[in-house]
N, C-alpha and C. Protein backbone atom coordinates (compact mmCIF):
# COMPACT_ATOMS: atom_id res chain seq x y z
N UNK A 1 0.84 -1.18 0.00
CA UNK A 1 0.00 0.00 0.00
C UNK A 1 0.89 1.25 0.00
N UNK A 2 0.59 2.22 -0.87
CA UNK A 2 1.42 3.43 -0.90
C UNK A 2 1.24 4.25 0.37
N UNK A 3 2.26 5.05 0.70
CA UNK A 3 2.15 5.86 1.92
C UNK A 3 1.13 6.98 1.76
N UNK A 4 0.59 7.41 2.88
CA UNK A 4 -0.24 8.61 2.92
C UNK A 4 0.67 9.79 2.59
N UNK A 5 0.26 10.59 1.63
CA UNK A 5 1.08 11.71 1.17
C UNK A 5 0.71 12.97 1.96
N UNK A 6 1.71 13.51 2.66
CA UNK A 6 1.52 14.72 3.44
C UNK A 6 2.48 15.78 2.90
N UNK A 7 1.96 16.98 2.67
CA UNK A 7 2.80 18.09 2.22
C UNK A 7 2.94 19.12 3.33
N UNK A 8 4.14 19.68 3.43
CA UNK A 8 4.42 20.80 4.32
C UNK A 8 4.68 22.01 3.43
N UNK A 9 3.95 23.08 3.68
CA UNK A 9 4.13 24.31 2.91
C UNK A 9 3.99 25.50 3.83
N UNK A 10 4.32 26.67 3.31
CA UNK A 10 4.23 27.90 4.08
C UNK A 10 5.11 28.96 3.47
N UNK A 11 5.11 30.12 4.05
CA UNK A 11 5.87 31.24 3.52
C UNK A 11 7.36 31.13 3.78
N UNK A 12 8.09 32.05 3.17
CA UNK A 12 9.55 32.11 3.31
C UNK A 12 9.89 32.44 4.76
N UNK A 13 10.76 31.63 5.36
CA UNK A 13 11.19 31.86 6.73
C UNK A 13 10.22 31.38 7.79
N UNK A 14 9.15 30.68 7.38
CA UNK A 14 8.16 30.21 8.36
C UNK A 14 8.66 29.01 9.15
N UNK A 15 9.56 28.23 8.57
CA UNK A 15 10.09 27.07 9.28
C UNK A 15 9.69 25.73 8.69
N UNK A 16 9.41 25.70 7.40
CA UNK A 16 9.02 24.44 6.75
C UNK A 16 10.08 23.36 6.93
N UNK A 17 11.32 23.74 6.76
CA UNK A 17 12.41 22.76 6.88
C UNK A 17 12.51 22.19 8.29
N UNK A 18 12.25 23.03 9.29
CA UNK A 18 12.28 22.54 10.68
C UNK A 18 11.16 21.53 10.91
N UNK A 19 9.99 21.79 10.34
CA UNK A 19 8.89 20.83 10.47
C UNK A 19 9.26 19.52 9.79
N UNK A 20 9.86 19.60 8.61
CA UNK A 20 10.29 18.40 7.90
C UNK A 20 11.29 17.61 8.74
N UNK A 21 12.23 18.32 9.35
CA UNK A 21 13.22 17.65 10.21
C UNK A 21 12.56 17.00 11.42
N UNK A 22 11.51 17.62 11.95
CA UNK A 22 10.81 17.04 13.09
C UNK A 22 10.16 15.71 12.70
N UNK A 23 9.60 15.64 11.50
CA UNK A 23 9.06 14.36 11.02
C UNK A 23 10.17 13.33 10.86
N UNK A 24 11.28 13.76 10.29
CA UNK A 24 12.41 12.85 10.09
C UNK A 24 12.92 12.31 11.43
N UNK A 25 12.95 13.14 12.47
CA UNK A 25 13.39 12.67 13.79
C UNK A 25 12.50 11.57 14.32
N UNK A 26 11.26 11.53 13.85
CA UNK A 26 10.32 10.49 14.28
C UNK A 26 10.33 9.29 13.33
N UNK A 27 11.27 9.26 12.42
CA UNK A 27 11.42 8.12 11.53
C UNK A 27 10.52 8.15 10.29
N UNK A 28 9.87 9.27 10.03
CA UNK A 28 9.00 9.40 8.87
C UNK A 28 9.86 9.75 7.66
N UNK A 29 9.68 9.07 6.53
CA UNK A 29 10.42 9.44 5.32
C UNK A 29 10.05 10.85 4.88
N UNK A 30 11.06 11.66 4.56
CA UNK A 30 10.83 13.06 4.17
C UNK A 30 11.60 13.39 2.90
N UNK A 31 11.08 14.39 2.20
CA UNK A 31 11.73 14.88 0.98
C UNK A 31 11.52 16.38 0.91
N UNK A 32 12.57 17.10 0.55
CA UNK A 32 12.50 18.55 0.38
C UNK A 32 12.55 18.89 -1.10
N UNK A 33 11.54 19.60 -1.59
CA UNK A 33 11.53 20.03 -2.99
C UNK A 33 12.74 20.92 -3.26
N UNK A 34 13.12 21.75 -2.30
CA UNK A 34 14.29 22.61 -2.49
C UNK A 34 15.55 21.78 -2.67
N UNK A 35 15.68 20.71 -1.90
CA UNK A 35 16.85 19.84 -2.04
C UNK A 35 16.86 19.16 -3.41
N UNK A 36 15.69 18.79 -3.90
CA UNK A 36 15.60 18.19 -5.23
C UNK A 36 16.05 19.20 -6.28
N UNK A 37 15.60 20.44 -6.16
CA UNK A 37 16.01 21.49 -7.10
C UNK A 37 17.52 21.67 -7.07
N UNK A 38 18.09 21.72 -5.88
CA UNK A 38 19.54 21.88 -5.76
C UNK A 38 20.27 20.72 -6.44
N UNK A 39 19.76 19.51 -6.26
CA UNK A 39 20.35 18.32 -6.88
C UNK A 39 20.25 18.40 -8.41
N UNK A 40 19.09 18.81 -8.92
CA UNK A 40 18.91 18.94 -10.36
C UNK A 40 19.90 19.96 -10.95
N UNK A 41 20.03 21.10 -10.31
CA UNK A 41 20.92 22.14 -10.82
C UNK A 41 22.38 21.68 -10.75
N UNK A 42 22.71 20.93 -9.74
CA UNK A 42 24.09 20.49 -9.56
C UNK A 42 24.47 19.32 -10.47
N UNK A 43 23.49 18.42 -10.77
CA UNK A 43 23.88 17.16 -11.40
C UNK A 43 23.11 16.73 -12.64
N UNK A 44 21.96 17.31 -12.92
CA UNK A 44 21.18 16.85 -14.08
C UNK A 44 21.73 17.51 -15.35
N UNK A 45 22.25 16.71 -16.29
CA UNK A 45 22.87 17.30 -17.49
C UNK A 45 21.90 18.13 -18.33
N UNK A 46 20.65 17.70 -18.46
CA UNK A 46 19.68 18.48 -19.24
C UNK A 46 19.39 19.83 -18.58
N UNK A 47 19.19 19.80 -17.27
CA UNK A 47 18.93 21.04 -16.53
C UNK A 47 20.13 21.97 -16.63
N UNK A 48 21.31 21.42 -16.38
CA UNK A 48 22.52 22.25 -16.43
C UNK A 48 22.71 22.86 -17.82
N UNK A 49 22.48 22.06 -18.86
CA UNK A 49 22.61 22.57 -20.23
C UNK A 49 21.62 23.68 -20.52
N UNK A 50 20.37 23.48 -20.10
CA UNK A 50 19.35 24.51 -20.33
C UNK A 50 19.69 25.79 -19.58
N UNK A 51 20.21 25.67 -18.37
CA UNK A 51 20.59 26.85 -17.59
C UNK A 51 21.76 27.58 -18.23
N UNK A 52 22.74 26.82 -18.69
CA UNK A 52 23.89 27.43 -19.37
C UNK A 52 23.44 28.16 -20.62
N UNK A 53 22.55 27.52 -21.41
CA UNK A 53 22.05 28.16 -22.63
C UNK A 53 21.28 29.44 -22.33
N UNK A 54 20.47 29.42 -21.29
CA UNK A 54 19.60 30.56 -20.99
C UNK A 54 20.30 31.66 -20.22
N UNK A 55 21.08 31.28 -19.20
CA UNK A 55 21.64 32.26 -18.27
C UNK A 55 23.18 32.33 -18.30
N UNK A 56 23.81 31.45 -19.07
CA UNK A 56 25.28 31.37 -19.15
C UNK A 56 25.91 31.04 -17.79
N UNK A 57 25.14 30.35 -16.93
CA UNK A 57 25.66 29.95 -15.62
C UNK A 57 24.77 28.85 -15.03
N UNK A 58 25.35 28.11 -14.10
CA UNK A 58 24.55 27.18 -13.28
C UNK A 58 24.67 27.56 -11.80
N UNK A 59 25.23 28.73 -11.53
CA UNK A 59 25.36 29.23 -10.16
C UNK A 59 23.99 29.63 -9.63
N UNK A 60 23.54 28.96 -8.56
CA UNK A 60 22.19 29.20 -8.04
C UNK A 60 21.98 30.65 -7.61
N UNK A 61 22.96 31.26 -6.98
CA UNK A 61 22.80 32.64 -6.52
C UNK A 61 22.64 33.59 -7.71
N UNK A 62 23.40 33.36 -8.75
CA UNK A 62 23.29 34.22 -9.94
C UNK A 62 21.95 34.00 -10.64
N UNK A 63 21.53 32.75 -10.74
CA UNK A 63 20.24 32.45 -11.36
C UNK A 63 19.11 33.10 -10.54
N UNK A 64 19.19 33.00 -9.22
CA UNK A 64 18.17 33.61 -8.35
C UNK A 64 18.11 35.12 -8.58
N UNK A 65 19.26 35.76 -8.68
CA UNK A 65 19.29 37.20 -8.92
C UNK A 65 18.56 37.54 -10.22
N UNK A 66 18.80 36.75 -11.25
CA UNK A 66 18.18 36.99 -12.56
C UNK A 66 16.67 36.78 -12.50
N UNK A 67 16.26 35.62 -11.99
CA UNK A 67 14.83 35.27 -12.09
C UNK A 67 13.95 36.05 -11.13
N UNK A 68 14.48 36.51 -10.01
CA UNK A 68 13.64 37.27 -9.10
C UNK A 68 13.55 38.74 -9.49
N UNK A 69 14.28 39.12 -10.54
CA UNK A 69 14.13 40.46 -11.12
C UNK A 69 13.27 40.42 -12.39
N UNK A 70 12.95 39.22 -12.89
CA UNK A 70 12.25 39.11 -14.16
C UNK A 70 11.27 37.93 -14.09
N UNK A 71 9.99 38.24 -13.97
CA UNK A 71 8.97 37.18 -13.83
C UNK A 71 8.94 36.23 -15.02
N UNK A 72 9.27 36.71 -16.20
CA UNK A 72 9.32 35.85 -17.37
C UNK A 72 10.41 34.80 -17.24
N UNK A 73 11.56 35.22 -16.75
CA UNK A 73 12.66 34.26 -16.54
C UNK A 73 12.31 33.29 -15.41
N UNK A 74 11.64 33.77 -14.39
CA UNK A 74 11.20 32.90 -13.31
C UNK A 74 10.22 31.85 -13.84
N UNK A 75 9.28 32.27 -14.66
CA UNK A 75 8.32 31.33 -15.24
C UNK A 75 9.04 30.27 -16.08
N UNK A 76 10.04 30.69 -16.85
CA UNK A 76 10.82 29.74 -17.64
C UNK A 76 11.52 28.72 -16.73
N UNK A 77 12.16 29.22 -15.67
CA UNK A 77 12.88 28.34 -14.75
C UNK A 77 11.92 27.36 -14.08
N UNK A 78 10.78 27.84 -13.64
CA UNK A 78 9.81 26.96 -12.99
C UNK A 78 9.29 25.91 -13.97
N UNK A 79 9.09 26.29 -15.23
CA UNK A 79 8.64 25.32 -16.23
C UNK A 79 9.70 24.25 -16.46
N UNK A 80 10.96 24.61 -16.34
CA UNK A 80 12.05 23.65 -16.47
C UNK A 80 12.11 22.72 -15.27
N UNK A 81 12.00 23.27 -14.07
CA UNK A 81 12.26 22.50 -12.85
C UNK A 81 11.05 21.79 -12.26
N UNK A 82 9.90 22.42 -12.24
CA UNK A 82 8.75 21.83 -11.53
C UNK A 82 8.38 20.44 -12.01
N UNK A 83 8.28 20.18 -13.31
CA UNK A 83 7.95 18.81 -13.72
C UNK A 83 8.99 17.78 -13.26
N UNK A 84 10.23 18.18 -13.25
CA UNK A 84 11.30 17.27 -12.81
C UNK A 84 11.22 17.02 -11.30
N UNK A 85 10.85 18.05 -10.55
CA UNK A 85 10.68 17.88 -9.09
C UNK A 85 9.52 16.92 -8.82
N UNK A 86 8.43 17.07 -9.53
CA UNK A 86 7.28 16.17 -9.36
C UNK A 86 7.69 14.74 -9.72
N UNK A 87 8.42 14.56 -10.81
CA UNK A 87 8.89 13.22 -11.19
C UNK A 87 9.77 12.62 -10.11
N UNK A 88 10.69 13.42 -9.57
CA UNK A 88 11.58 12.93 -8.51
C UNK A 88 10.78 12.54 -7.28
N UNK A 89 9.78 13.34 -6.94
CA UNK A 89 8.94 13.02 -5.77
C UNK A 89 8.17 11.72 -6.01
N UNK A 90 7.64 11.54 -7.20
CA UNK A 90 6.90 10.31 -7.51
C UNK A 90 7.81 9.08 -7.45
N UNK A 91 9.03 9.20 -7.97
CA UNK A 91 9.99 8.08 -7.88
C UNK A 91 10.30 7.77 -6.42
N UNK A 92 10.51 8.82 -5.61
CA UNK A 92 10.80 8.64 -4.19
C UNK A 92 9.64 7.92 -3.50
N UNK A 93 8.43 8.38 -3.75
CA UNK A 93 7.25 7.77 -3.12
C UNK A 93 7.09 6.31 -3.55
N UNK A 94 7.34 6.02 -4.81
CA UNK A 94 7.18 4.65 -5.32
C UNK A 94 8.15 3.68 -4.65
N UNK A 95 9.27 4.19 -4.18
CA UNK A 95 10.26 3.34 -3.55
C UNK A 95 10.10 3.19 -2.05
N UNK A 96 9.07 3.78 -1.48
CA UNK A 96 8.90 3.75 -0.03
C UNK A 96 8.04 2.59 0.44
N UNK A 97 8.37 2.08 1.59
CA UNK A 97 7.53 1.12 2.30
C UNK A 97 7.30 1.72 3.68
N UNK A 98 6.35 2.64 3.75
CA UNK A 98 6.07 3.35 5.00
C UNK A 98 4.61 3.78 4.98
N UNK A 99 3.99 3.92 6.15
CA UNK A 99 2.59 4.33 6.18
C UNK A 99 2.37 5.80 5.82
N UNK A 100 3.38 6.64 6.08
CA UNK A 100 3.26 8.08 5.86
C UNK A 100 4.56 8.58 5.24
N UNK A 101 4.44 9.52 4.29
CA UNK A 101 5.60 10.20 3.72
C UNK A 101 5.30 11.69 3.69
N UNK A 102 6.30 12.49 4.06
CA UNK A 102 6.10 13.93 4.15
C UNK A 102 7.07 14.64 3.21
N UNK A 103 6.51 15.50 2.37
CA UNK A 103 7.33 16.28 1.44
C UNK A 103 7.13 17.76 1.70
N UNK A 104 8.23 18.48 1.74
CA UNK A 104 8.20 19.94 1.84
C UNK A 104 8.02 20.47 0.42
N UNK A 105 6.93 21.20 0.20
CA UNK A 105 6.62 21.72 -1.13
C UNK A 105 6.28 23.21 -0.98
N UNK A 106 7.29 24.09 -1.11
CA UNK A 106 7.06 25.51 -0.86
C UNK A 106 5.93 26.12 -1.70
N UNK A 107 5.81 25.76 -2.95
CA UNK A 107 4.80 26.35 -3.83
C UNK A 107 3.62 25.41 -4.05
N UNK A 108 3.23 24.71 -3.02
CA UNK A 108 2.18 23.69 -3.14
C UNK A 108 0.90 24.25 -3.75
N UNK A 109 0.32 25.26 -3.15
CA UNK A 109 -0.95 25.81 -3.63
C UNK A 109 -0.75 26.61 -4.92
N UNK A 110 0.38 27.29 -5.02
CA UNK A 110 0.64 28.12 -6.19
C UNK A 110 0.76 27.30 -7.47
N UNK A 111 1.15 26.02 -7.34
CA UNK A 111 1.32 25.15 -8.51
C UNK A 111 0.21 24.11 -8.65
N UNK A 112 -0.78 24.14 -7.76
CA UNK A 112 -1.84 23.14 -7.82
C UNK A 112 -1.43 21.79 -7.27
N UNK A 113 -0.31 21.74 -6.58
CA UNK A 113 0.23 20.48 -6.06
C UNK A 113 -0.60 19.84 -4.97
N UNK A 114 -1.55 20.58 -4.39
CA UNK A 114 -2.38 19.98 -3.34
C UNK A 114 -3.22 18.83 -3.87
N UNK A 115 -3.41 18.76 -5.19
CA UNK A 115 -4.16 17.64 -5.79
C UNK A 115 -3.42 16.32 -5.65
N UNK A 116 -2.10 16.38 -5.43
CA UNK A 116 -1.28 15.18 -5.39
C UNK A 116 -1.01 14.67 -3.98
N UNK A 117 -1.62 15.29 -2.96
CA UNK A 117 -1.38 14.87 -1.58
C UNK A 117 -2.71 14.65 -0.87
N UNK A 118 -2.64 13.87 0.23
CA UNK A 118 -3.85 13.62 1.01
C UNK A 118 -4.03 14.57 2.19
N UNK A 119 -2.93 15.10 2.72
CA UNK A 119 -3.00 16.03 3.84
C UNK A 119 -2.02 17.17 3.62
N UNK A 120 -2.38 18.35 4.14
CA UNK A 120 -1.53 19.53 4.01
C UNK A 120 -1.30 20.15 5.38
N UNK A 121 -0.04 20.42 5.65
CA UNK A 121 0.36 21.16 6.85
C UNK A 121 0.88 22.51 6.39
N UNK A 122 0.30 23.58 6.91
CA UNK A 122 0.78 24.92 6.63
C UNK A 122 1.54 25.42 7.86
N UNK A 123 2.75 25.91 7.63
CA UNK A 123 3.58 26.47 8.68
C UNK A 123 3.59 27.98 8.50
N UNK A 124 3.26 28.68 9.55
CA UNK A 124 3.30 30.14 9.52
C UNK A 124 4.20 30.62 10.65
N UNK A 125 4.51 31.89 10.61
CA UNK A 125 5.26 32.54 11.68
C UNK A 125 5.03 34.04 11.55
N UNK A 126 5.03 34.74 12.66
CA UNK A 126 4.89 36.20 12.58
C UNK A 126 6.00 36.80 11.71
N UNK A 127 5.70 37.91 11.06
CA UNK A 127 6.65 38.53 10.13
C UNK A 127 8.00 38.83 10.78
N UNK A 128 7.98 39.32 12.02
CA UNK A 128 9.26 39.65 12.66
C UNK A 128 10.10 38.38 12.91
N UNK A 129 9.45 37.26 13.17
CA UNK A 129 10.17 36.00 13.35
C UNK A 129 10.75 35.56 12.01
N UNK A 130 9.97 35.66 10.94
CA UNK A 130 10.46 35.29 9.61
C UNK A 130 11.68 36.12 9.22
N UNK A 131 11.60 37.41 9.46
CA UNK A 131 12.72 38.28 9.08
C UNK A 131 13.97 37.98 9.90
N UNK A 132 13.79 37.56 11.15
CA UNK A 132 14.96 37.22 11.96
C UNK A 132 15.60 35.93 11.46
N UNK A 133 14.80 35.05 10.86
CA UNK A 133 15.32 33.80 10.32
C UNK A 133 15.91 33.99 8.93
N UNK A 134 15.33 34.89 8.18
CA UNK A 134 15.73 35.11 6.79
C UNK A 134 15.59 36.58 6.46
N UNK A 135 16.60 37.38 6.82
CA UNK A 135 16.49 38.83 6.66
C UNK A 135 16.21 39.28 5.23
N UNK A 136 16.61 38.50 4.25
CA UNK A 136 16.48 38.92 2.85
C UNK A 136 15.18 38.42 2.22
N UNK A 137 14.08 38.47 2.96
CA UNK A 137 12.79 38.13 2.35
C UNK A 137 12.54 39.19 1.29
N UNK A 138 12.37 38.73 0.05
CA UNK A 138 12.35 39.66 -1.06
C UNK A 138 11.09 39.52 -1.90
N UNK A 139 11.21 39.85 -3.15
CA UNK A 139 10.06 39.84 -4.06
C UNK A 139 9.45 38.46 -4.21
N UNK A 140 10.17 37.42 -3.81
CA UNK A 140 9.59 36.07 -3.91
C UNK A 140 8.30 35.98 -3.10
N UNK A 141 8.24 36.66 -1.99
CA UNK A 141 7.05 36.61 -1.14
C UNK A 141 5.82 37.20 -1.84
N UNK A 142 6.05 38.15 -2.73
CA UNK A 142 4.94 38.83 -3.40
C UNK A 142 4.09 37.90 -4.25
N UNK A 143 4.68 36.82 -4.75
CA UNK A 143 3.93 35.95 -5.64
C UNK A 143 3.32 34.75 -4.92
N UNK A 144 3.51 34.67 -3.62
CA UNK A 144 2.95 33.56 -2.84
C UNK A 144 1.55 33.90 -2.36
N UNK A 145 0.74 32.86 -2.22
CA UNK A 145 -0.58 33.07 -1.62
C UNK A 145 -0.40 33.60 -0.21
N UNK A 146 -1.27 34.47 0.25
CA UNK A 146 -1.18 34.94 1.64
C UNK A 146 -1.39 33.78 2.62
N UNK A 147 -0.79 33.92 3.79
CA UNK A 147 -0.90 32.86 4.81
C UNK A 147 -2.35 32.53 5.14
N UNK A 148 -3.21 33.54 5.25
CA UNK A 148 -4.59 33.23 5.64
C UNK A 148 -5.28 32.36 4.60
N UNK A 149 -4.95 32.53 3.33
CA UNK A 149 -5.50 31.66 2.28
C UNK A 149 -4.97 30.23 2.43
N UNK A 150 -3.68 30.10 2.67
CA UNK A 150 -3.08 28.78 2.86
C UNK A 150 -3.70 28.09 4.08
N UNK A 151 -3.81 28.83 5.17
CA UNK A 151 -4.37 28.28 6.41
C UNK A 151 -5.78 27.76 6.17
N UNK A 152 -6.57 28.50 5.40
CA UNK A 152 -7.96 28.08 5.16
C UNK A 152 -8.04 26.78 4.35
N UNK A 153 -6.96 26.43 3.66
CA UNK A 153 -6.95 25.23 2.81
C UNK A 153 -6.19 24.07 3.46
N UNK A 154 -5.67 24.27 4.65
CA UNK A 154 -4.82 23.28 5.31
C UNK A 154 -5.62 22.31 6.16
N UNK A 155 -5.04 21.13 6.35
CA UNK A 155 -5.58 20.16 7.31
C UNK A 155 -5.01 20.41 8.70
N UNK A 156 -3.76 20.88 8.75
CA UNK A 156 -3.08 21.18 10.00
C UNK A 156 -2.33 22.49 9.83
N UNK A 157 -2.27 23.27 10.91
CA UNK A 157 -1.58 24.56 10.87
C UNK A 157 -0.67 24.64 12.09
N UNK A 158 0.55 25.09 11.87
CA UNK A 158 1.47 25.29 12.97
C UNK A 158 2.05 26.71 12.89
N UNK A 159 1.88 27.47 13.97
CA UNK A 159 2.49 28.79 14.07
C UNK A 159 3.85 28.58 14.72
N UNK A 160 4.88 28.71 13.93
CA UNK A 160 6.23 28.36 14.34
C UNK A 160 6.95 29.54 14.96
N UNK A 161 6.57 29.85 16.21
CA UNK A 161 7.21 30.95 16.92
C UNK A 161 7.65 30.54 18.31
N UNK A 162 7.72 29.22 18.53
CA UNK A 162 8.06 28.73 19.86
C UNK A 162 9.32 27.89 19.86
N UNK A 163 9.30 26.88 20.69
CA UNK A 163 10.48 26.05 20.91
C UNK A 163 10.47 24.83 20.00
N UNK A 164 11.63 24.21 19.90
CA UNK A 164 11.75 22.97 19.15
C UNK A 164 10.90 21.88 19.79
N UNK A 165 10.78 21.91 21.09
CA UNK A 165 9.96 20.92 21.80
C UNK A 165 8.49 21.08 21.41
N UNK A 166 8.03 22.32 21.30
CA UNK A 166 6.65 22.56 20.89
C UNK A 166 6.41 22.07 19.47
N UNK A 167 7.38 22.31 18.61
CA UNK A 167 7.29 21.82 17.23
C UNK A 167 7.22 20.30 17.20
N UNK A 168 8.09 19.65 17.95
CA UNK A 168 8.08 18.19 17.99
C UNK A 168 6.75 17.66 18.54
N UNK A 169 6.19 18.35 19.52
CA UNK A 169 4.89 17.93 20.07
C UNK A 169 3.80 18.06 19.00
N UNK A 170 3.82 19.15 18.23
CA UNK A 170 2.86 19.33 17.14
C UNK A 170 2.96 18.18 16.14
N UNK A 171 4.17 17.85 15.74
CA UNK A 171 4.37 16.76 14.78
C UNK A 171 3.85 15.44 15.35
N UNK A 172 4.08 15.20 16.63
CA UNK A 172 3.55 14.00 17.26
C UNK A 172 2.03 13.96 17.22
N UNK A 173 1.40 15.10 17.47
CA UNK A 173 -0.06 15.18 17.43
C UNK A 173 -0.59 14.94 16.02
N UNK A 174 0.10 15.48 15.02
CA UNK A 174 -0.31 15.25 13.63
C UNK A 174 -0.22 13.77 13.31
N UNK A 175 0.88 13.14 13.68
CA UNK A 175 1.05 11.72 13.38
C UNK A 175 -0.02 10.87 14.04
N UNK A 176 -0.43 11.24 15.26
CA UNK A 176 -1.50 10.50 15.94
C UNK A 176 -2.82 10.58 15.19
N UNK A 177 -3.04 11.67 14.44
CA UNK A 177 -4.29 11.87 13.72
C UNK A 177 -4.29 11.29 12.31
N UNK A 178 -3.13 10.91 11.81
CA UNK A 178 -3.05 10.38 10.45
C UNK A 178 -3.37 8.89 10.44
N UNK A 179 -4.18 8.46 9.49
CA UNK A 179 -4.49 7.03 9.40
C UNK A 179 -3.23 6.23 9.07
N UNK A 180 -3.08 5.13 9.73
CA UNK A 180 -1.98 4.20 9.45
C UNK A 180 -0.65 4.54 10.06
N UNK A 181 -0.55 5.68 10.74
CA UNK A 181 0.77 6.05 11.27
C UNK A 181 0.95 5.59 12.70
């Protein structure tokens, strides 16, 4: 039986990666879409070739500078990467023998990815907490759905402004509510 598919999403600096790590500490298989993107840019010959042709570089920082100044370039990059990230996630899921699998998907709602999962966890944090975690919150935030919209579509919501122990307790409570876990 395939695992129950759970997605973790939320805004920049909200703590999605920390939530993913909390699931991993409990032995739940996890996957980060950002890590998949980094792997594709570093090692996929087709992706690297397309980036070289388009941007004359495969340096992530330089590519980020270009695409976050030009929505057309960002759309091109997402069209290149998103299908490959979905394929990688599907291969990962197909190889699992676990009751639950959790994937961090930053643009879950923005890409319609909620159709591919059974449960959604939205991680939020107050703006001042986000800025302390990631001072360079930039134009990327402008194209994301607002937190209140994400929260209204979530199965579980965590306001990540407390301790690691509180986060771990939240993850434990989520696991208790998931079928088969």
